[in-house]
């Protein structure tokens, strides 16, 4: 047997938490062996043995750093931001406007209709540029503050 064949046989599908619970339940409440459980659920012997040895019956709580703010503190912070004009000045980046507004659509249609019969020579004389700009100053973003339910301008 080649090494690639061995590697492909060793790789198994991920066992879902539902399958882990089924394995643990069958093992605990029936007299089935690991081989019988593997055959019944369509898993490998090693997968069933691993679940029986290592996995708890219910998924564990996610580990990691606990939240810095409690839900009460978050509610107080939201109330503070909404309470006054000065607090609402804590802002975020403005969303870009939709490029396909009515006036923009009409301008594009007019351009397309006036240039529909241009030849390749006509188009080759056009100086193509991209729409970027560069200045010596750093780019300044526009920051706005809106409540969740308010519409963009």
N, C-alpha and C. Protein backbone atom coordinates (compact mmCIF):
# COMPACT_ATOMS: atom_id res chain seq x y z
N UNK A 1 0.84 -1.18 0.00
CA UNK A 1 0.00 0.00 0.00
C UNK A 1 0.88 1.25 0.00
N UNK A 2 0.56 2.23 -0.85
CA UNK A 2 1.39 3.42 -0.93
C UNK A 2 1.12 4.36 0.25
N UNK A 3 2.03 5.32 0.42
CA UNK A 3 1.88 6.25 1.55
C UNK A 3 0.69 7.17 1.35
N UNK A 4 0.40 7.56 0.10
CA UNK A 4 -0.76 8.43 -0.13
C UNK A 4 -2.06 7.69 0.18
N UNK A 5 -2.07 6.39 -0.10
CA UNK A 5 -3.25 5.59 0.22
C UNK A 5 -3.46 5.51 1.73
N UNK A 6 -2.36 5.35 2.47
CA UNK A 6 -2.45 5.30 3.93
C UNK A 6 -2.93 6.62 4.49
N UNK A 7 -2.41 7.74 3.93
CA UNK A 7 -2.82 9.06 4.42
C UNK A 7 -4.29 9.31 4.15
N UNK A 8 -4.77 8.92 2.98
CA UNK A 8 -6.18 9.17 2.67
C UNK A 8 -7.08 8.32 3.55
N UNK A 9 -6.62 7.12 3.95
CA UNK A 9 -7.43 6.29 4.83
C UNK A 9 -7.47 6.86 6.24
N UNK A 10 -6.41 7.51 6.67
CA UNK A 10 -6.35 8.04 8.03
C UNK A 10 -7.21 9.28 8.20
N UNK A 11 -7.40 10.04 7.15
CA UNK A 11 -8.17 11.27 7.27
C UNK A 11 -9.65 10.92 7.33
N UNK A 12 -10.30 11.39 8.35
CA UNK A 12 -11.72 11.12 8.54
C UNK A 12 -12.46 12.45 8.61
N UNK A 13 -13.75 12.36 8.42
CA UNK A 13 -14.57 13.56 8.54
C UNK A 13 -14.64 14.02 9.98
N UNK A 14 -14.94 15.27 10.12
CA UNK A 14 -15.11 15.87 11.44
C UNK A 14 -16.33 15.25 12.11
N UNK A 15 -16.21 14.95 13.39
CA UNK A 15 -17.32 14.37 14.14
C UNK A 15 -18.08 15.52 14.80
N UNK A 16 -19.36 15.62 14.49
CA UNK A 16 -20.17 16.70 15.06
C UNK A 16 -20.45 16.43 16.53
N UNK A 17 -20.90 17.46 17.21
CA UNK A 17 -21.22 17.30 18.63
C UNK A 17 -22.40 16.35 18.81
N UNK A 18 -23.33 16.32 17.82
CA UNK A 18 -24.45 15.38 17.91
C UNK A 18 -23.95 13.94 17.84
N UNK A 19 -22.97 13.68 16.94
CA UNK A 19 -22.40 12.34 16.86
C UNK A 19 -21.67 11.97 18.14
N UNK A 20 -20.98 12.93 18.74
CA UNK A 20 -20.29 12.66 20.01
C UNK A 20 -21.30 12.27 21.08
N UNK A 21 -22.42 12.97 21.14
CA UNK A 21 -23.45 12.65 22.13
C UNK A 21 -24.03 11.27 21.86
N UNK A 22 -24.27 10.94 20.57
CA UNK A 22 -24.79 9.61 20.23
C UNK A 22 -23.82 8.52 20.67
N UNK A 23 -22.53 8.72 20.39
CA UNK A 23 -21.53 7.72 20.77
C UNK A 23 -21.51 7.53 22.27
N UNK A 24 -21.46 8.63 23.02
CA UNK A 24 -21.41 8.53 24.48
C UNK A 24 -22.68 7.88 25.04
N UNK A 25 -23.84 8.20 24.46
CA UNK A 25 -25.09 7.63 24.93
C UNK A 25 -25.14 6.13 24.65
N UNK A 26 -24.75 5.73 23.44
CA UNK A 26 -24.75 4.30 23.12
C UNK A 26 -23.77 3.53 23.99
N UNK A 27 -22.64 4.13 24.24
CA UNK A 27 -21.63 3.45 25.05
C UNK A 27 -22.08 3.32 26.51
N UNK A 28 -22.75 4.36 27.01
CA UNK A 28 -23.12 4.38 28.42
C UNK A 28 -24.36 3.54 28.71
N UNK A 29 -25.37 3.58 27.82
CA UNK A 29 -26.67 2.98 28.12
C UNK A 29 -26.93 1.66 27.41
N UNK A 30 -26.03 1.21 26.57
CA UNK A 30 -26.19 -0.10 25.93
C UNK A 30 -24.93 -0.91 26.18
N UNK A 31 -24.98 -2.14 25.83
CA UNK A 31 -23.82 -3.01 26.00
C UNK A 31 -23.03 -3.13 24.70
N UNK A 32 -23.15 -2.15 23.82
CA UNK A 32 -22.47 -2.22 22.53
C UNK A 32 -20.98 -1.95 22.71
N UNK A 33 -20.21 -2.61 21.87
CA UNK A 33 -18.77 -2.39 21.88
C UNK A 33 -18.44 -1.22 20.97
N UNK A 34 -17.19 -0.80 21.01
CA UNK A 34 -16.74 0.31 20.16
C UNK A 34 -16.91 -0.06 18.69
N UNK A 35 -16.61 -1.31 18.33
CA UNK A 35 -16.75 -1.76 16.95
C UNK A 35 -18.20 -1.69 16.48
N UNK A 36 -19.14 -2.10 17.35
CA UNK A 36 -20.56 -2.07 16.98
C UNK A 36 -21.06 -0.63 16.82
N UNK A 37 -20.63 0.25 17.71
CA UNK A 37 -21.04 1.66 17.62
C UNK A 37 -20.48 2.28 16.34
N UNK A 38 -19.23 1.98 16.03
CA UNK A 38 -18.61 2.51 14.82
C UNK A 38 -19.36 2.05 13.58
N UNK A 39 -19.75 0.78 13.56
CA UNK A 39 -20.48 0.24 12.41
C UNK A 39 -21.87 0.87 12.31
N UNK A 40 -22.56 1.02 13.43
CA UNK A 40 -23.92 1.58 13.43
C UNK A 40 -23.94 3.04 12.97
N UNK A 41 -22.95 3.83 13.40
CA UNK A 41 -22.95 5.26 13.10
C UNK A 41 -22.12 5.62 11.87
N UNK A 42 -21.42 4.64 11.29
CA UNK A 42 -20.62 4.92 10.10
C UNK A 42 -19.35 5.68 10.41
N UNK A 43 -18.79 5.44 11.59
CA UNK A 43 -17.55 6.09 11.99
C UNK A 43 -16.44 5.05 12.07
N UNK A 44 -15.21 5.51 12.16
CA UNK A 44 -14.11 4.57 12.32
C UNK A 44 -14.01 4.15 13.79
N UNK A 45 -13.34 3.03 14.01
CA UNK A 45 -13.14 2.54 15.38
C UNK A 45 -12.38 3.58 16.19
N UNK A 46 -11.37 4.19 15.56
CA UNK A 46 -10.54 5.17 16.27
C UNK A 46 -11.35 6.40 16.67
N UNK A 47 -12.25 6.85 15.78
CA UNK A 47 -13.08 8.01 16.11
C UNK A 47 -13.96 7.72 17.33
N UNK A 48 -14.58 6.56 17.35
CA UNK A 48 -15.46 6.20 18.46
C UNK A 48 -14.65 6.06 19.74
N UNK A 49 -13.49 5.43 19.64
CA UNK A 49 -12.64 5.26 20.82
C UNK A 49 -12.18 6.60 21.36
N UNK A 50 -11.85 7.51 20.46
CA UNK A 50 -11.40 8.85 20.86
C UNK A 50 -12.53 9.61 21.56
N UNK A 51 -13.74 9.52 21.02
CA UNK A 51 -14.89 10.19 21.64
C UNK A 51 -15.16 9.61 23.02
N UNK A 52 -15.11 8.30 23.14
CA UNK A 52 -15.37 7.67 24.44
C UNK A 52 -14.32 8.05 25.47
N UNK A 53 -13.10 8.22 25.04
CA UNK A 53 -12.02 8.49 25.98
C UNK A 53 -11.90 9.97 26.33
N UNK A 54 -12.18 10.87 25.41
CA UNK A 54 -11.82 12.26 25.61
C UNK A 54 -12.98 13.24 25.70
N UNK A 55 -14.02 13.04 24.95
CA UNK A 55 -15.05 14.07 24.85
C UNK A 55 -16.08 13.95 25.96
N UNK A 56 -16.49 15.11 26.46
CA UNK A 56 -17.58 15.13 27.44
C UNK A 56 -18.90 14.99 26.69
N UNK A 57 -19.96 14.69 27.41
CA UNK A 57 -21.24 14.45 26.76
C UNK A 57 -21.84 15.72 26.17
N UNK A 58 -21.64 16.83 26.82
CA UNK A 58 -22.13 18.10 26.28
C UNK A 58 -20.93 18.97 25.94
N UNK A 59 -21.08 19.81 24.93
CA UNK A 59 -19.95 20.66 24.56
C UNK A 59 -19.56 21.59 25.69
N UNK A 60 -18.28 21.86 25.80
CA UNK A 60 -17.80 22.73 26.87
C UNK A 60 -18.02 24.20 26.52
N UNK A 61 -18.03 25.03 27.51
CA UNK A 61 -18.17 26.46 27.32
C UNK A 61 -16.89 26.97 26.67
N UNK A 62 -17.07 27.90 25.77
CA UNK A 62 -15.93 28.43 25.04
C UNK A 62 -14.95 29.09 26.00
N UNK A 63 -13.68 28.77 25.81
CA UNK A 63 -12.65 29.37 26.65
C UNK A 63 -12.19 30.68 26.03
N UNK A 64 -11.47 31.44 26.78
CA UNK A 64 -10.95 32.70 26.26
C UNK A 64 -11.11 33.80 27.27
N UNK A 65 -10.69 34.96 26.86
CA UNK A 65 -10.76 36.11 27.75
C UNK A 65 -12.22 36.50 27.98
N UNK A 66 -12.62 36.72 29.23
CA UNK A 66 -14.00 37.13 29.48
C UNK A 66 -14.23 38.56 29.00
N UNK A 67 -15.48 38.92 28.74
CA UNK A 67 -15.77 40.28 28.29
C UNK A 67 -15.32 41.32 29.32
N UNK A 68 -14.84 42.44 28.83
CA UNK A 68 -14.38 43.51 29.71
C UNK A 68 -15.56 44.22 30.35
N UNK A 69 -16.62 44.45 29.57
CA UNK A 69 -17.80 45.16 30.07
C UNK A 69 -18.95 44.19 30.28
N UNK A 70 -19.69 44.39 31.35
CA UNK A 70 -20.90 43.58 31.56
C UNK A 70 -22.02 44.15 30.70
N UNK A 71 -23.12 43.41 30.59
CA UNK A 71 -24.24 43.89 29.78
C UNK A 71 -24.83 45.17 30.37
N UNK A 72 -24.81 45.30 31.68
CA UNK A 72 -25.30 46.51 32.33
C UNK A 72 -24.41 47.70 31.97
N UNK A 73 -23.10 47.50 31.97
CA UNK A 73 -22.19 48.58 31.61
C UNK A 73 -22.35 48.97 30.14
N UNK A 74 -22.60 48.00 29.28
CA UNK A 74 -22.82 48.30 27.86
C UNK A 74 -24.08 49.13 27.70
N UNK A 75 -25.15 48.78 28.42
CA UNK A 75 -26.39 49.55 28.35
C UNK A 75 -26.17 50.98 28.84
N UNK A 76 -25.39 51.16 29.90
CA UNK A 76 -25.09 52.50 30.40
C UNK A 76 -24.29 53.30 29.38
N UNK A 77 -23.36 52.65 28.72
CA UNK A 77 -22.54 53.33 27.71
C UNK A 77 -23.39 53.77 26.53
N UNK A 78 -24.30 52.93 26.08
CA UNK A 78 -25.19 53.29 24.97
C UNK A 78 -26.08 54.45 25.38
N UNK A 79 -26.62 54.42 26.59
CA UNK A 79 -27.46 55.53 27.06
C UNK A 79 -26.66 56.82 27.13
N UNK A 80 -25.41 56.75 27.55
CA UNK A 80 -24.56 57.94 27.62
C UNK A 80 -24.31 58.52 26.24
N UNK A 81 -24.02 57.67 25.28
CA UNK A 81 -23.72 58.15 23.93
C UNK A 81 -24.95 58.79 23.31
N UNK A 82 -26.13 58.23 23.56
CA UNK A 82 -27.35 58.78 22.98
C UNK A 82 -27.87 59.99 23.74
N UNK A 83 -27.33 60.28 24.91
CA UNK A 83 -27.91 61.30 25.77
C UNK A 83 -27.61 62.73 25.34
N UNK A 84 -26.47 63.00 24.76
CA UNK A 84 -26.12 64.39 24.48
C UNK A 84 -25.40 64.52 23.14
N UNK A 85 -25.38 65.75 22.65
CA UNK A 85 -24.71 66.04 21.38
C UNK A 85 -23.22 65.76 21.48
N UNK A 86 -22.61 66.15 22.59
CA UNK A 86 -21.17 65.94 22.75
C UNK A 86 -20.82 64.45 22.75
N UNK A 87 -21.68 63.65 23.38
CA UNK A 87 -21.41 62.22 23.43
C UNK A 87 -21.58 61.58 22.06
N UNK A 88 -22.52 62.12 21.26
CA UNK A 88 -22.75 61.55 19.93
C UNK A 88 -21.63 61.91 18.96
N UNK A 89 -20.74 62.81 19.34
CA UNK A 89 -19.63 63.16 18.45
C UNK A 89 -18.57 62.07 18.42
N UNK A 90 -18.71 61.05 19.27
CA UNK A 90 -17.85 59.88 19.16
C UNK A 90 -18.34 59.13 17.92
N UNK A 91 -17.57 59.14 16.88
CA UNK A 91 -18.12 58.79 15.58
C UNK A 91 -17.41 57.61 14.94
N UNK A 92 -17.88 57.25 13.77
CA UNK A 92 -17.32 56.16 12.99
C UNK A 92 -17.24 56.60 11.54
N UNK A 93 -16.57 55.82 10.72
CA UNK A 93 -16.39 56.17 9.32
C UNK A 93 -17.72 56.25 8.58
N UNK A 94 -17.86 57.24 7.71
CA UNK A 94 -19.05 57.40 6.91
C UNK A 94 -19.11 56.30 5.86
N UNK A 95 -20.31 55.78 5.62
CA UNK A 95 -20.48 54.80 4.57
C UNK A 95 -20.45 55.50 3.22
N UNK A 96 -19.87 54.87 2.22
CA UNK A 96 -19.80 55.51 0.91
C UNK A 96 -21.19 55.53 0.29
N UNK A 97 -21.43 56.53 -0.55
CA UNK A 97 -22.73 56.68 -1.20
C UNK A 97 -22.86 55.68 -2.34
N UNK A 98 -24.09 55.34 -2.67
CA UNK A 98 -24.35 54.43 -3.77
C UNK A 98 -23.94 55.11 -5.08
N UNK A 99 -23.06 54.50 -5.88
CA UNK A 99 -22.60 55.15 -7.10
C UNK A 99 -23.67 55.18 -8.19
N UNK A 100 -24.76 54.44 -8.07
CA UNK A 100 -25.76 54.37 -9.12
C UNK A 100 -27.01 55.14 -8.75
N UNK A 101 -26.85 56.42 -8.49
CA UNK A 101 -28.00 57.27 -8.25
C UNK A 101 -28.59 57.68 -9.59
N UNK A 102 -29.80 58.25 -9.56
CA UNK A 102 -30.50 58.56 -10.81
C UNK A 102 -29.71 59.50 -11.71
N UNK A 103 -29.16 60.56 -11.15
CA UNK A 103 -28.41 61.51 -11.99
C UNK A 103 -27.18 60.84 -12.59
N UNK A 104 -26.57 59.92 -11.85
CA UNK A 104 -25.40 59.23 -12.36
C UNK A 104 -25.79 58.25 -13.46
N UNK A 105 -26.93 57.59 -13.30
CA UNK A 105 -27.40 56.66 -14.33
C UNK A 105 -27.69 57.40 -15.63
N UNK A 106 -28.35 58.56 -15.52
CA UNK A 106 -28.68 59.31 -16.73
C UNK A 106 -27.42 59.80 -17.44
N UNK A 107 -26.43 60.26 -16.67
CA UNK A 107 -25.17 60.69 -17.29
C UNK A 107 -24.48 59.54 -18.00
N UNK A 108 -24.50 58.37 -17.42
CA UNK A 108 -23.85 57.21 -18.04
C UNK A 108 -24.58 56.78 -19.31
N UNK A 109 -25.91 56.82 -19.28
CA UNK A 109 -26.68 56.45 -20.47
C UNK A 109 -26.44 57.45 -21.59
N UNK A 110 -26.40 58.74 -21.27
CA UNK A 110 -26.11 59.76 -22.28
C UNK A 110 -24.74 59.54 -22.89
N UNK A 111 -23.75 59.26 -22.06
CA UNK A 111 -22.39 59.02 -22.56
C UNK A 111 -22.38 57.80 -23.49
N UNK A 112 -23.06 56.74 -23.08
CA UNK A 112 -23.07 55.52 -23.89
C UNK A 112 -23.75 55.75 -25.23
N UNK A 113 -24.84 56.53 -25.24
CA UNK A 113 -25.56 56.79 -26.48
C UNK A 113 -24.76 57.68 -27.43
N UNK A 114 -24.01 58.63 -26.89
CA UNK A 114 -23.22 59.51 -27.77
C UNK A 114 -21.97 58.82 -28.30
N UNK A 115 -21.48 57.81 -27.62
CA UNK A 115 -20.24 57.16 -28.04
C UNK A 115 -20.46 55.75 -28.59
N UNK A 116 -21.70 55.39 -28.90
CA UNK A 116 -21.97 54.02 -29.33
C UNK A 116 -21.37 53.71 -30.69
N UNK A 117 -21.23 54.69 -31.55
CA UNK A 117 -20.73 54.46 -32.90
C UNK A 117 -19.26 54.80 -33.07
N UNK A 118 -18.53 54.93 -32.00
CA UNK A 118 -17.11 55.25 -32.10
C UNK A 118 -16.34 54.05 -32.65
N UNK A 119 -15.30 54.35 -33.42
CA UNK A 119 -14.45 53.29 -33.96
C UNK A 119 -13.29 53.03 -32.99
N UNK A 120 -12.48 52.02 -33.32
CA UNK A 120 -11.31 51.73 -32.49
C UNK A 120 -10.32 52.89 -32.51
N UNK A 121 -10.22 53.58 -33.66
CA UNK A 121 -9.32 54.74 -33.73
C UNK A 121 -9.77 55.85 -32.78
N UNK A 122 -11.09 56.09 -32.72
CA UNK A 122 -11.59 57.11 -31.80
C UNK A 122 -11.25 56.77 -30.36
N UNK A 123 -11.44 55.51 -29.98
CA UNK A 123 -11.17 55.10 -28.61
C UNK A 123 -9.68 55.08 -28.31
N UNK A 124 -8.84 54.82 -29.32
CA UNK A 124 -7.39 54.79 -29.07
C UNK A 124 -6.83 56.19 -28.80
N UNK A 125 -7.54 57.23 -29.24
CA UNK A 125 -7.07 58.60 -28.98
C UNK A 125 -7.46 59.11 -27.59
N UNK A 126 -8.27 58.36 -26.87
CA UNK A 126 -8.69 58.77 -25.53
C UNK A 126 -7.56 58.49 -24.55
N UNK A 127 -7.28 59.47 -23.72
CA UNK A 127 -6.29 59.29 -22.67
C UNK A 127 -6.99 58.64 -21.49
N UNK A 128 -6.67 57.36 -21.22
CA UNK A 128 -7.33 56.63 -20.14
C UNK A 128 -6.61 56.89 -18.83
N UNK A 129 -7.36 57.27 -17.83
CA UNK A 129 -6.79 57.47 -16.49
C UNK A 129 -7.68 56.77 -15.49
N UNK A 130 -7.10 56.45 -14.37
CA UNK A 130 -7.93 55.91 -13.30
C UNK A 130 -8.46 57.07 -12.47
N UNK A 131 -9.34 56.79 -11.56
CA UNK A 131 -9.98 57.84 -10.79
C UNK A 131 -9.34 58.01 -9.43
N UNK A 132 -8.06 57.78 -9.34
CA UNK A 132 -7.38 57.97 -8.06
C UNK A 132 -6.82 59.37 -7.98
N UNK A 133 -6.45 59.76 -6.79
CA UNK A 133 -5.85 61.06 -6.59
C UNK A 133 -4.73 60.90 -5.58
N UNK A 134 -3.80 61.78 -5.66
CA UNK A 134 -2.68 61.74 -4.72
C UNK A 134 -2.30 63.16 -4.36
N UNK A 135 -2.14 63.40 -3.08
CA UNK A 135 -1.68 64.69 -2.61
C UNK A 135 -0.57 64.45 -1.61
N UNK A 136 0.06 65.50 -1.20
CA UNK A 136 1.11 65.36 -0.20
C UNK A 136 0.57 65.17 1.20
N UNK A 137 -0.72 65.45 1.38
CA UNK A 137 -1.34 65.34 2.71
C UNK A 137 -1.91 63.94 2.92
N UNK A 138 -1.98 63.51 4.16
CA UNK A 138 -2.61 62.21 4.40
C UNK A 138 -4.11 62.28 4.12
N UNK A 139 -4.67 61.17 3.72
CA UNK A 139 -6.09 61.11 3.42
C UNK A 139 -6.92 61.30 4.69
N UNK A 140 -7.93 62.11 4.61
CA UNK A 140 -8.78 62.35 5.76
C UNK A 140 -10.14 61.71 5.52
N UNK A 141 -10.55 60.86 6.44
CA UNK A 141 -11.84 60.19 6.34
C UNK A 141 -12.93 61.08 6.91
N UNK A 142 -14.15 60.88 6.43
CA UNK A 142 -15.30 61.58 6.95
C UNK A 142 -15.94 60.71 8.03
N UNK A 143 -16.12 61.28 9.20
CA UNK A 143 -16.67 60.53 10.32
C UNK A 143 -18.05 61.06 10.64
N UNK A 144 -19.01 60.16 10.86
CA UNK A 144 -20.37 60.56 11.21
C UNK A 144 -20.86 59.70 12.36
N UNK A 145 -21.91 60.17 13.02
CA UNK A 145 -22.54 59.39 14.08
C UNK A 145 -24.02 59.32 13.79
N UNK A 146 -24.56 58.11 13.77
CA UNK A 146 -25.99 57.91 13.56
C UNK A 146 -26.47 56.83 14.52
N UNK A 147 -27.73 56.91 14.89
CA UNK A 147 -28.34 55.82 15.63
C UNK A 147 -28.61 54.67 14.67
N UNK A 148 -28.86 53.51 15.20
CA UNK A 148 -29.01 52.32 14.38
C UNK A 148 -30.16 52.46 13.39
N UNK A 149 -31.29 53.00 13.81
CA UNK A 149 -32.49 53.03 12.97
C UNK A 149 -32.58 54.23 12.05
N UNK A 150 -31.63 55.14 12.06
CA UNK A 150 -31.70 56.31 11.20
C UNK A 150 -31.13 55.99 9.84
N UNK A 151 -31.67 56.66 8.81
CA UNK A 151 -31.22 56.42 7.44
C UNK A 151 -30.00 57.26 7.13
N UNK A 152 -29.23 56.79 6.16
CA UNK A 152 -28.07 57.55 5.71
C UNK A 152 -28.55 58.75 4.91
N UNK A 153 -27.77 59.79 4.89
CA UNK A 153 -28.15 61.01 4.17
C UNK A 153 -27.95 60.81 2.69
